[in-house]
Amino acid sequence: MFKWFTGQEKEKTHKGVERSRQTWFGGIKNLLTGSAIDDSVWDQLEEILLGADVGYELTETFLSRLRERAKRGEFQNGEDIRLALKAEMLVLLQHPENQSSNEPDRKTPRVILIVGVNGSGKTTSIAKLANLLKNQGDTVLLAAADTFRAGAIDQLKIWGNQLDVDVIAHSPGADPGAVAFDAVQAGKSRNRDAILIDTAGRLHTKSDLMEELKKINRVVERTLPDVKPEVLLVLDATTGQNGLTQATEFTNTVKVNGTILTKLDGTARGGIVFAIQHSLGIPVAFIGVGEQIDDLIAFDPNYFVNALLEEDD
């Protein structure tokens, strides 16, 4: 699921991780090329991974596996270690839902709930996702069910006007379930291919969030019995490990199918992608690699790892 490819993923991924590559990951090739494998190399490799926000636990997992293989004599030189690290990274990211395939034709609209804290780029990501869908020939409808913040409703309406996409909205403070109900009814009657619902702009309480999303799920299931809503969690890449704490709160409360990692181009710590997969166990579905409306792209693990490590496919 969530695989909508435009053909620009390789180039945009390479550009989007430029800061991470130049600041941290590019040093891996320099470190391991022609170096004798001693403790200082392992220490420097650890420093690079930690600095890139891979996270302590996952860094230790990577290094312990590599060091065990080194002890068994599996590596002849630093290049072997680099290739083995690359393989470890790819294995981690090759989540079943990260396989590259386009969505099949659908007879009923898909319903996608977008959750995430305010300030993560949630509403803008919805607009970018709507644009991505439109460019692939799908018809889209937006629902402003983040009713706790009037600004979110207004922002979504503005995006809807710019994209020529209908937006279903109620007044601030309205019942999110009622907004979702009207949106699903409208999406069904207008024969839309996808309904994107902006919701859960803040963790008001875990129980309230769960009940809100349960209600939306019930609305969808009653109106579209053959449709199971999908949930995408928006995370701000620039918050790094701190953002994972908020993400864990969401994933402990609702079933999340994938993440949208925004502002990846604005951080030198792109290792957070590995940390997300390791800590949350859910795939990165999309990455934000710029401020333009078409700068949200489907995540491809191979393009991502190769871009970080300065390799061709």
Protein backbone atom coordinates (compact mmCIF):
# COMPACT_ATOMS: atom_id res chain seq x y z
CA MET A 1 0.00 0.00 0.00
CA PHE A 2 0.90 3.66 -0.33
CA LYS A 3 3.04 3.04 -3.41
CA TRP A 4 2.50 5.83 -5.90
CA PHE A 5 5.61 6.30 -7.99
CA THR A 6 6.20 9.21 -10.34
CA GLY A 7 9.59 8.29 -11.76
CA GLN A 8 11.33 11.12 -9.89
CA GLU A 9 12.03 9.21 -6.69
CA LYS A 10 15.71 8.46 -7.33
CA GLU A 11 16.72 12.02 -8.19
CA LYS A 12 14.60 13.63 -5.48
CA THR A 13 15.76 11.18 -2.81
CA HIS A 14 19.40 11.93 -3.67
CA LYS A 15 18.77 15.66 -3.38
CA GLY A 16 16.64 15.30 -0.26
CA VAL A 17 19.34 13.55 1.78
CA GLU A 18 22.18 15.81 0.65
CA ARG A 19 22.75 17.32 4.09
CA SER A 20 22.77 13.90 5.75
CA ARG A 21 25.17 12.55 3.16
CA GLN A 22 27.59 15.45 3.35
CA THR A 23 27.55 15.72 7.14
CA TRP A 24 27.57 12.09 8.21
CA PHE A 25 27.01 9.16 5.89
CA GLY A 26 29.44 10.26 3.21
CA GLY A 27 32.18 9.79 5.77
CA ILE A 28 31.57 6.05 5.92
CA LYS A 29 33.14 5.48 2.51
CA ASN A 30 36.17 7.62 3.41
CA LEU A 31 36.53 5.87 6.75
CA LEU A 32 36.42 2.35 5.38
CA THR A 33 38.39 2.81 2.17
CA GLY A 34 41.93 1.57 2.61
CA SER A 35 41.74 1.55 6.40
CA ALA A 36 43.16 -1.10 8.65
CA ILE A 37 40.30 -2.52 10.71
CA ASP A 38 41.09 -1.63 14.29
CA ASP A 39 39.21 -0.29 17.30
CA SER A 40 39.50 3.31 16.13
CA VAL A 41 37.59 2.46 12.94
CA TRP A 42 34.76 0.88 14.89
CA ASP A 43 34.68 3.88 17.23
CA GLN A 44 34.50 6.33 14.34
CA LEU A 45 31.78 4.30 12.63
CA GLU A 46 29.78 4.36 15.84
CA GLU A 47 30.21 8.13 16.05
CA ILE A 48 28.92 8.58 12.51
CA LEU A 49 25.82 6.45 13.07
CA LEU A 50 24.97 8.07 16.38
CA GLY A 51 25.53 11.54 14.98
CA ALA A 52 23.19 10.76 12.09
CA ASP A 53 20.40 9.87 14.55
CA VAL A 54 20.35 6.15 13.86
CA GLY A 55 19.89 5.74 17.62
CA TYR A 56 21.99 4.03 20.25
CA GLU A 57 20.24 0.67 20.32
CA LEU A 58 20.19 0.20 16.56
CA THR A 59 23.77 1.46 16.19
CA GLU A 60 24.93 -1.14 18.68
CA THR A 61 22.94 -3.81 16.85
CA PHE A 62 24.55 -2.93 13.53
CA LEU A 63 28.06 -2.80 14.99
CA SER A 64 27.80 -5.95 17.07
CA ARG A 65 26.75 -7.95 14.02
CA LEU A 66 29.54 -6.52 11.92
CA ARG A 67 32.18 -7.06 14.60
CA GLU A 68 31.13 -10.67 15.07
CA ARG A 69 31.50 -11.25 11.34
CA ALA A 70 34.88 -9.52 11.40
CA LYS A 71 36.03 -11.85 14.18
CA ARG A 72 35.01 -14.83 12.05
CA GLY A 73 37.25 -13.52 9.28
CA GLU A 74 34.43 -12.73 6.86
CA PHE A 75 35.84 -9.31 5.95
CA GLN A 76 39.04 -8.81 3.99
CA ASN A 77 39.03 -5.02 4.16
CA GLY A 78 37.00 -1.95 4.99
CA GLU A 79 35.06 -2.16 1.74
CA ASP A 80 33.63 -5.50 2.84
CA ILE A 81 32.44 -3.92 6.07
CA ARG A 82 30.84 -1.04 4.19
CA LEU A 83 28.94 -3.40 1.92
CA ALA A 84 27.85 -5.49 4.88
CA LEU A 85 26.56 -2.37 6.67
CA LYS A 86 24.67 -1.39 3.55
CA ALA A 87 23.07 -4.84 3.44
CA GLU A 88 22.04 -4.52 7.11
CA MET A 89 20.42 -1.17 6.40
CA LEU A 90 18.49 -2.53 3.42
CA VAL A 91 17.27 -5.58 5.32
CA LEU A 92 15.92 -3.31 8.04
CA LEU A 93 14.06 -1.09 5.57
CA GLN A 94 12.71 -3.87 3.36
CA HIS A 95 9.41 -3.94 5.18
CA PRO A 96 6.74 -5.94 3.28
CA GLU A 97 4.73 -2.74 2.83
CA ASN A 98 7.75 -0.96 1.34
CA GLN A 99 7.74 -3.07 -1.80
CA SER A 100 7.54 -1.04 -4.99
CA SER A 101 4.15 -1.53 -6.62
CA ASN A 102 1.44 0.78 -7.79
CA GLU A 103 -2.07 0.61 -6.41
CA PRO A 104 -4.54 -1.47 -8.44
CA ASP A 105 -7.77 -0.06 -9.82
CA ARG A 106 -10.34 0.35 -7.07
CA LYS A 107 -14.12 0.11 -7.29
CA THR A 108 -14.61 1.94 -3.98
CA PRO A 109 -12.72 4.96 -2.61
CA ARG A 110 -9.80 4.35 -0.32
CA VAL A 111 -9.95 6.22 2.96
CA ILE A 112 -6.72 7.44 4.54
CA LEU A 113 -6.60 8.99 8.00
CA ILE A 114 -3.69 11.35 8.54
CA VAL A 115 -2.55 11.76 12.16
CA GLY A 116 0.33 13.61 13.79
CA VAL A 117 1.10 16.47 16.13
CA ASN A 118 0.57 20.07 15.11
CA GLY A 119 3.70 21.54 13.55
CA SER A 120 4.85 18.28 11.97
CA GLY A 121 3.71 19.35 8.52
CA LYS A 122 0.56 17.25 8.67
CA THR A 123 -1.88 19.45 6.76
CA THR A 124 0.68 20.38 4.11
CA SER A 125 1.51 16.69 3.68
CA ILE A 126 -2.16 15.97 3.04
CA ALA A 127 -2.13 18.56 0.26
CA LYS A 128 1.05 17.07 -1.22
CA LEU A 129 -0.44 13.58 -1.07
CA ALA A 130 -3.61 14.83 -2.75
CA ASN A 131 -1.48 16.39 -5.49
CA LEU A 132 0.46 13.14 -5.94
CA LEU A 133 -2.78 11.21 -6.32
CA LYS A 134 -4.23 13.74 -8.74
CA ASN A 135 -1.13 13.58 -10.91
CA GLN A 136 -1.64 9.83 -11.21
CA GLY A 137 -5.20 10.26 -12.37
CA ASP A 138 -7.10 9.73 -9.12
CA THR A 139 -9.93 11.95 -7.96
CA VAL A 140 -9.55 13.13 -4.37
CA LEU A 141 -11.68 14.58 -1.60
CA LEU A 142 -10.32 16.16 1.60
CA ALA A 143 -11.93 16.17 5.04
CA ALA A 144 -11.01 18.78 7.68
CA ALA A 145 -11.61 16.60 10.74
CA ASP A 146 -8.84 18.20 12.81
CA THR A 147 -11.53 20.39 14.33
CA PHE A 148 -9.65 21.34 17.49
CA ARG A 149 -7.58 23.90 15.60
CA ALA A 150 -9.38 26.40 13.40
CA GLY A 151 -6.16 27.11 11.54
CA ALA A 152 -5.99 23.53 10.30
CA ILE A 153 -9.46 23.83 8.77
CA ASP A 154 -8.64 27.12 7.05
CA GLN A 155 -5.30 25.81 5.81
CA LEU A 156 -6.90 22.73 4.27
CA LYS A 157 -9.53 24.87 2.54
CA ILE A 158 -6.79 27.02 1.02
CA TRP A 159 -4.97 23.97 -0.26
CA GLY A 160 -8.22 22.58 -1.63
CA ASN A 161 -8.78 25.75 -3.63
CA GLN A 162 -5.22 25.70 -4.99
CA LEU A 163 -5.47 22.04 -5.99
CA ASP A 164 -9.08 22.24 -7.20
CA VAL A 165 -10.03 19.52 -4.73
CA ASP A 166 -13.27 19.51 -2.73
CA VAL A 167 -12.91 19.97 1.04
CA ILE A 168 -15.57 18.85 3.51
CA ALA A 169 -15.42 20.98 6.66
CA HIS A 170 -17.56 21.96 9.65
CA SER A 171 -17.07 24.74 12.20
CA PRO A 172 -14.13 24.65 14.64
CA GLY A 173 -14.89 22.38 17.59
CA ALA A 174 -17.31 20.22 15.61
CA ASP A 175 -17.47 16.47 16.06
CA PRO A 176 -14.69 14.93 13.91
CA GLY A 177 -16.88 11.88 13.37
CA ALA A 178 -19.58 14.04 11.82
CA VAL A 179 -17.05 15.60 9.46
CA ALA A 180 -15.83 12.15 8.47
CA PHE A 181 -19.40 10.97 7.90
CA ASP A 182 -20.16 13.84 5.54
CA ALA A 183 -16.84 13.34 3.76
CA VAL A 184 -17.36 9.62 3.19
CA GLN A 185 -20.90 10.22 1.98
CA ALA A 186 -19.67 12.94 -0.37
CA GLY A 187 -16.77 10.84 -1.60
CA LYS A 188 -19.08 7.97 -2.36
CA SER A 189 -21.74 10.06 -4.13
CA ARG A 190 -19.14 12.00 -6.14
CA ASN A 191 -17.27 8.81 -7.14
CA ARG A 192 -13.94 9.91 -5.66
CA ASP A 193 -11.02 7.50 -5.73
CA ALA A 194 -9.53 8.61 -2.42
CA ILE A 195 -10.72 10.40 0.72
CA LEU A 196 -7.97 11.96 2.85
CA ILE A 197 -9.06 12.81 6.38
CA ASP A 198 -7.04 15.29 8.44
CA THR A 199 -7.44 14.32 12.08
CA ALA A 200 -5.80 14.07 15.50
CA GLY A 201 -3.77 17.27 15.46
CA ARG A 202 -2.84 16.85 19.08
CA LEU A 203 -2.63 14.11 21.67
CA HIS A 204 -5.39 15.63 23.79
CA THR A 205 -5.61 12.32 25.66
CA LYS A 206 -4.95 8.81 24.49
CA SER A 207 -8.52 7.72 25.22
CA ASP A 208 -10.03 10.67 23.34
CA LEU A 209 -7.79 10.04 20.36
CA MET A 210 -8.67 6.36 20.28
CA GLU A 211 -12.39 7.04 20.53
CA GLU A 212 -12.18 9.69 17.82
CA LEU A 213 -10.47 7.35 15.38
CA LYS A 214 -12.72 4.43 16.33
CA LYS A 215 -15.72 6.60 15.52
CA ILE A 216 -14.27 7.53 12.14
CA ASN A 217 -13.59 3.87 11.43
CA ARG A 218 -17.19 2.99 12.28
CA VAL A 219 -18.43 5.74 9.98
CA VAL A 220 -16.35 4.41 7.11
CA GLU A 221 -17.32 0.79 7.69
CA ARG A 222 -21.04 1.60 7.79
CA THR A 223 -20.91 3.70 4.65
CA LEU A 224 -18.30 1.71 2.75
CA PRO A 225 -18.49 -1.87 4.09
CA ASP A 226 -15.68 -3.12 1.83
CA VAL A 227 -13.21 -0.39 2.83
CA LYS A 228 -10.80 -0.53 5.76
CA PRO A 229 -9.34 2.90 6.56
CA GLU A 230 -5.57 3.24 6.43
CA VAL A 231 -3.64 5.40 8.89
CA LEU A 232 -0.57 7.46 8.05
CA LEU A 233 1.43 9.12 10.82
CA VAL A 234 3.23 12.36 9.95
CA LEU A 235 6.62 12.85 11.60
CA ASP A 236 8.99 15.82 11.40
CA ALA A 237 12.47 14.53 10.52
CA THR A 238 14.10 17.57 12.12
CA THR A 239 12.87 16.52 15.58
CA GLY A 240 14.94 13.34 15.39
CA GLN A 241 14.83 10.99 18.35
CA ASN A 242 12.56 13.39 20.25
CA GLY A 243 9.92 12.93 17.58
CA LEU A 244 10.00 9.19 18.12
CA THR A 245 8.56 9.68 21.60
CA GLN A 246 5.50 11.37 20.15
CA ALA A 247 5.29 8.75 17.43
CA THR A 248 5.30 5.98 20.01
CA GLU A 249 2.34 7.61 21.75
CA PHE A 250 0.35 7.47 18.52
CA THR A 251 1.36 3.92 17.63
CA ASN A 252 0.49 2.74 21.13
CA THR A 253 -2.97 4.22 20.67
CA VAL A 254 -3.92 3.43 17.07
CA LYS A 255 -2.84 0.99 14.38
CA VAL A 256 -0.60 2.95 12.04
CA ASN A 257 0.06 1.54 8.57
CA GLY A 258 2.91 3.83 7.59
CA THR A 259 4.64 7.14 8.19
CA ILE A 260 5.15 10.32 6.22
CA LEU A 261 8.55 11.73 7.18
CA THR A 262 8.52 15.46 6.47
CA LYS A 263 11.38 17.96 6.14
CA LEU A 264 14.00 15.29 5.45
CA ASP A 265 15.88 17.80 3.33
CA GLY A 266 16.12 20.12 6.33
CA THR A 267 18.12 17.81 8.57
CA ALA A 268 21.61 16.32 8.51
CA ARG A 269 20.35 13.40 10.57
CA GLY A 270 18.65 11.23 7.99
CA GLY A 271 19.48 8.17 10.05
CA ILE A 272 16.15 8.80 11.75
CA VAL A 273 14.60 6.75 8.93
CA PHE A 274 16.35 3.64 10.27
CA ALA A 275 15.38 4.52 13.84
CA ILE A 276 11.72 4.84 12.87
CA GLN A 277 11.65 1.43 11.25
CA HIS A 278 13.57 -0.15 14.13
CA SER A 279 11.60 1.49 16.95
CA LEU A 280 8.09 1.54 15.52
CA GLY A 281 8.14 -1.49 13.25
CA ILE A 282 6.10 0.31 10.60
CA PRO A 283 7.29 1.37 7.14
CA VAL A 284 8.17 4.84 6.00
CA ALA A 285 5.67 5.34 3.18
CA PHE A 286 6.57 8.83 1.96
CA ILE A 287 9.33 11.36 2.51
CA GLY A 288 9.18 15.12 2.19
CA VAL A 289 12.23 16.41 0.34
CA GLY A 290 11.38 20.06 -0.23
CA GLU A 291 8.80 22.80 0.06
CA GLN A 292 7.19 22.50 -3.37
CA ILE A 293 3.84 20.77 -3.79
CA ASP A 294 5.47 17.88 -5.70
CA ASP A 295 8.22 17.35 -3.13
CA LEU A 296 6.46 14.45 -1.40
CA ILE A 297 7.64 11.16 -2.89
CA ALA A 298 7.08 7.49 -2.28
CA PHE A 299 9.88 6.06 -0.16
CA ASP A 300 12.19 3.56 -1.84
CA PRO A 301 14.71 1.84 0.49
CA ASN A 302 17.24 1.19 -2.27
CA TYR A 303 17.26 4.76 -3.50
CA PHE A 304 17.50 6.01 0.06
CA VAL A 305 20.44 3.87 1.18
CA ASN A 306 22.33 4.38 -2.07
CA ALA A 307 21.81 8.15 -1.83
CA LEU A 308 23.15 8.22 1.74
CA LEU A 309 26.19 6.11 0.89
CA GLU A 310 26.95 7.83 -2.43
CA GLU A 311 26.35 4.75 -4.55
CA ASP A 312 24.70 4.05 -7.87
CA ASP A 313 21.94 1.49 -8.06
